[in-house]
Amino acid sequence: MAAVTLYGLPNCDTCKKARNWLGRFEVEHVFVDYRAQPVPAATLKAWAAELGGWEKLVNKSSTTWRNLLPQRKDPRSDPEWTLLLKEYPALIRRPVVLREGEPVTVGFTDNGFKNLFSRE
């Protein structure tokens, strides 16, 4: 089975559901709290590129996003996006799932994880 790394926040309900799902189906994984272990800018940029853009990586429906000043909601470059996410890691969609040799994915649904891990 490919190595699985789950990036998220320990108190995030969606991350808890994803971790419980992985435990229930005995999928070994490592959990990385990206507040305690910030994700390097180059990694964030790579994730955004692989997902199809920063909009796919950033949760614009979050309270954190809604509370940003209007000028902060319009990053125009990769360095501006990475700075914003470094300052506000809760803006990153959760969880980010990395599996060896597989594309990065974000989010959790029961059916989504069934499909994602059905090849294991």
C-alpha atoms as a PDB file:
ATOM      1  CA  MET A   1       0.000   0.000   0.000  1.00  0.00           C
ATOM      2  CA  ALA A   2       1.257   3.476  -0.859  1.00  0.00           C
ATOM      3  CA  ALA A   3       2.316   5.705   2.016  1.00  0.00           C
ATOM      4  CA  VAL A   4      -0.493   8.097   3.005  1.00  0.00           C
ATOM      5  CA  THR A   5       0.026  11.522   4.559  1.00  0.00           C
ATOM      6  CA  LEU A   6      -2.935  13.578   5.696  1.00  0.00           C
ATOM      7  CA  TYR A   7      -2.372  17.315   6.196  1.00  0.00           C
ATOM      8  CA  GLY A   8      -4.864  19.274   8.241  1.00  0.00           C
ATOM      9  CA  LEU A   9      -5.765  20.693  11.616  1.00  0.00           C
ATOM     10  CA  PRO A  10      -6.359  18.420  14.621  1.00  0.00           C
ATOM     11  CA  ASN A  11      -9.591  20.161  15.693  1.00  0.00           C
ATOM     12  CA  CYS A  12     -11.091  20.312  12.190  1.00  0.00           C
ATOM     13  CA  ASP A  13     -14.252  18.192  12.019  1.00  0.00           C
ATOM     14  CA  THR A  14     -13.574  17.178   8.420  1.00  0.00           C
ATOM     15  CA  CYS A  15     -10.036  16.095   9.306  1.00  0.00           C
ATOM     16  CA  LYS A  16     -11.393  14.095  12.256  1.00  0.00           C
ATOM     17  CA  LYS A  17     -13.874  12.348   9.945  1.00  0.00           C
ATOM     18  CA  ALA A  18     -11.122  11.566   7.449  1.00  0.00           C
ATOM     19  CA  ARG A  19      -8.818  10.211  10.154  1.00  0.00           C
ATOM     20  CA  ASN A  20     -11.623   8.108  11.617  1.00  0.00           C
ATOM     21  CA  TRP A  21     -12.415   6.742   8.144  1.00  0.00           C
ATOM     22  CA  LEU A  22      -8.773   5.804   7.579  1.00  0.00           C
ATOM     23  CA  GLY A  23      -8.651   4.124  10.985  1.00  0.00           C
ATOM     24  CA  ARG A  24     -11.908   2.231  10.416  1.00  0.00           C
ATOM     25  CA  PHE A  25     -10.612   0.861   7.106  1.00  0.00           C
ATOM     26  CA  GLU A  26      -7.137   0.243   8.560  1.00  0.00           C
ATOM     27  CA  VAL A  27      -5.362   2.574   6.170  1.00  0.00           C
ATOM     28  CA  GLU A  28      -2.019   3.417   7.717  1.00  0.00           C
ATOM     29  CA  HIS A  29      -1.301   7.110   7.530  1.00  0.00           C
ATOM     30  CA  VAL A  30       0.669   9.959   9.031  1.00  0.00           C
ATOM     31  CA  PHE A  31      -1.165  13.096  10.159  1.00  0.00           C
ATOM     32  CA  VAL A  32       0.595  16.453   9.820  1.00  0.00           C
ATOM     33  CA  ASP A  33      -0.837  19.464  11.649  1.00  0.00           C
ATOM     34  CA  TYR A  34       0.058  22.290   9.321  1.00  0.00           C
ATOM     35  CA  ARG A  35      -0.139  24.883  12.046  1.00  0.00           C
ATOM     36  CA  ALA A  36       2.483  23.068  14.127  1.00  0.00           C
ATOM     37  CA  GLN A  37       4.505  22.010  11.065  1.00  0.00           C
ATOM     38  CA  PRO A  38       4.028  24.723   8.429  1.00  0.00           C
ATOM     39  CA  VAL A  39       4.032  23.546   4.829  1.00  0.00           C
ATOM     40  CA  PRO A  40       6.928  25.054   2.826  1.00  0.00           C
ATOM     41  CA  ALA A  41       5.991  27.635   0.184  1.00  0.00           C
ATOM     42  CA  ALA A  42       7.369  25.449  -2.613  1.00  0.00           C
ATOM     43  CA  THR A  43       5.121  22.576  -1.498  1.00  0.00           C
ATOM     44  CA  LEU A  44       2.041  24.819  -1.362  1.00  0.00           C
ATOM     45  CA  LYS A  45       2.837  26.076  -4.858  1.00  0.00           C
ATOM     46  CA  ALA A  46       3.258  22.498  -6.130  1.00  0.00           C
ATOM     47  CA  TRP A  47      -0.065  21.441  -4.555  1.00  0.00           C
ATOM     48  CA  ALA A  48      -1.866  24.416  -6.109  1.00  0.00           C
ATOM     49  CA  ALA A  49      -0.370  23.654  -9.523  1.00  0.00           C
ATOM     50  CA  GLU A  50      -1.306  19.979  -9.297  1.00  0.00           C
ATOM     51  CA  LEU A  51      -4.866  20.781  -8.191  1.00  0.00           C
ATOM     52  CA  GLY A  52      -5.395  23.315 -10.973  1.00  0.00           C
ATOM     53  CA  GLY A  53      -4.780  26.627  -9.216  1.00  0.00           C
ATOM     54  CA  TRP A  54      -4.792  28.354  -5.862  1.00  0.00           C
ATOM     55  CA  GLU A  55      -8.610  28.523  -5.861  1.00  0.00           C
ATOM     56  CA  LYS A  56      -8.692  24.706  -5.636  1.00  0.00           C
ATOM     57  CA  LEU A  57      -6.395  24.727  -2.591  1.00  0.00           C
ATOM     58  CA  VAL A  58      -7.940  27.653  -0.706  1.00  0.00           C
ATOM     59  CA  ASN A  59     -11.242  27.390   1.159  1.00  0.00           C
ATOM     60  CA  LYS A  60     -13.009  30.615   0.206  1.00  0.00           C
ATOM     61  CA  SER A  61     -16.159  29.627   2.085  1.00  0.00           C
ATOM     62  CA  SER A  62     -14.350  29.592   5.439  1.00  0.00           C
ATOM     63  CA  THR A  63     -14.845  32.072   8.248  1.00  0.00           C
ATOM     64  CA  THR A  64     -11.140  32.880   8.012  1.00  0.00           C
ATOM     65  CA  TRP A  65     -11.539  33.923   4.352  1.00  0.00           C
ATOM     66  CA  ARG A  66     -14.693  35.957   5.050  1.00  0.00           C
ATOM     67  CA  ASN A  67     -12.883  37.834   7.834  1.00  0.00           C
ATOM     68  CA  LEU A  68      -9.915  38.832   5.675  1.00  0.00           C
ATOM     69  CA  LEU A  69      -9.558  42.442   4.606  1.00  0.00           C
ATOM     70  CA  PRO A  70     -10.761  42.873   0.995  1.00  0.00           C
ATOM     71  CA  GLN A  71      -7.244  43.656  -0.287  1.00  0.00           C
ATOM     72  CA  ARG A  72      -5.945  40.361   1.166  1.00  0.00           C
ATOM     73  CA  LYS A  73      -8.538  38.398  -0.845  1.00  0.00           C
ATOM     74  CA  ASP A  74      -6.879  39.238  -4.150  1.00  0.00           C
ATOM     75  CA  PRO A  75      -3.369  37.733  -4.182  1.00  0.00           C
ATOM     76  CA  ARG A  76      -1.858  38.230  -7.637  1.00  0.00           C
ATOM     77  CA  SER A  77       1.240  36.045  -7.465  1.00  0.00           C
ATOM     78  CA  ASP A  78       2.501  32.769  -6.039  1.00  0.00           C
ATOM     79  CA  PRO A  79       4.533  34.583  -3.344  1.00  0.00           C
ATOM     80  CA  GLU A  80       1.423  36.527  -2.257  1.00  0.00           C
ATOM     81  CA  TRP A  81      -0.619  33.303  -2.049  1.00  0.00           C
ATOM     82  CA  THR A  82       2.072  31.462  -0.093  1.00  0.00           C
ATOM     83  CA  LEU A  83       2.467  34.395   2.301  1.00  0.00           C
ATOM     84  CA  LEU A  84      -1.304  34.454   2.868  1.00  0.00           C
ATOM     85  CA  LEU A  85      -1.393  30.702   3.571  1.00  0.00           C
ATOM     86  CA  LYS A  86       1.637  30.910   5.843  1.00  0.00           C
ATOM     87  CA  GLU A  87      -0.128  33.621   7.832  1.00  0.00           C
ATOM     88  CA  TYR A  88      -3.529  31.864   7.755  1.00  0.00           C
ATOM     89  CA  PRO A  89      -3.014  28.084   7.451  1.00  0.00           C
ATOM     90  CA  ALA A  90      -6.730  27.528   8.165  1.00  0.00           C
ATOM     91  CA  LEU A  91      -7.393  28.801   4.621  1.00  0.00           C
ATOM     92  CA  ILE A  92      -5.986  25.569   3.157  1.00  0.00           C
ATOM     93  CA  ARG A  93      -8.778  23.138   2.244  1.00  0.00           C
ATOM     94  CA  ARG A  94      -8.814  20.175   4.569  1.00  0.00           C
ATOM     95  CA  PRO A  95      -7.606  17.578   4.571  1.00  0.00           C
ATOM     96  CA  VAL A  96      -4.888  17.508   1.943  1.00  0.00           C
ATOM     97  CA  VAL A  97      -4.164  13.864   1.106  1.00  0.00           C
ATOM     98  CA  LEU A  98      -0.835  12.771  -0.331  1.00  0.00           C
ATOM     99  CA  ARG A  99      -0.208   9.225  -1.460  1.00  0.00           C
ATOM    100  CA  GLU A 100       3.053   8.000  -2.880  1.00  0.00           C
ATOM    101  CA  GLY A 101       2.939   8.097  -6.672  1.00  0.00           C
ATOM    102  CA  GLU A 102      -0.622   9.517  -6.772  1.00  0.00           C
ATOM    103  CA  PRO A 103      -2.027  13.012  -7.380  1.00  0.00           C
ATOM    104  CA  VAL A 104      -2.672  15.261  -4.394  1.00  0.00           C
ATOM    105  CA  THR A 105      -6.324  15.484  -3.330  1.00  0.00           C
ATOM    106  CA  VAL A 106      -8.235  17.763  -0.966  1.00  0.00           C
ATOM    107  CA  GLY A 107     -11.358  17.305   1.109  1.00  0.00           C
ATOM    108  CA  PHE A 108     -13.207  14.352   2.531  1.00  0.00           C
ATOM    109  CA  THR A 109     -16.391  12.475   1.734  1.00  0.00           C
ATOM    110  CA  ASP A 110     -17.093   8.854   2.506  1.00  0.00           C
ATOM    111  CA  ASN A 111     -17.595   7.980  -1.167  1.00  0.00           C
ATOM    112  CA  GLY A 112     -14.608  10.079  -2.202  1.00  0.00           C
ATOM    113  CA  PHE A 113     -12.326   8.164   0.146  1.00  0.00           C
ATOM    114  CA  LYS A 114     -13.828   4.829  -0.939  1.00  0.00           C
ATOM    115  CA  ASN A 115     -12.933   5.710  -4.531  1.00  0.00           C
ATOM    116  CA  LEU A 116      -9.553   7.125  -3.573  1.00  0.00           C
ATOM    117  CA  PHE A 117      -8.494   4.081  -1.594  1.00  0.00           C
ATOM    118  CA  SER A 118     -10.234   1.385  -3.633  1.00  0.00           C
ATOM    119  CA  ARG A 119      -7.033   0.906  -5.648  1.00  0.00           C
ATOM    120  CA  GLU A 120      -5.029   0.098  -2.533  1.00  0.00           C
END
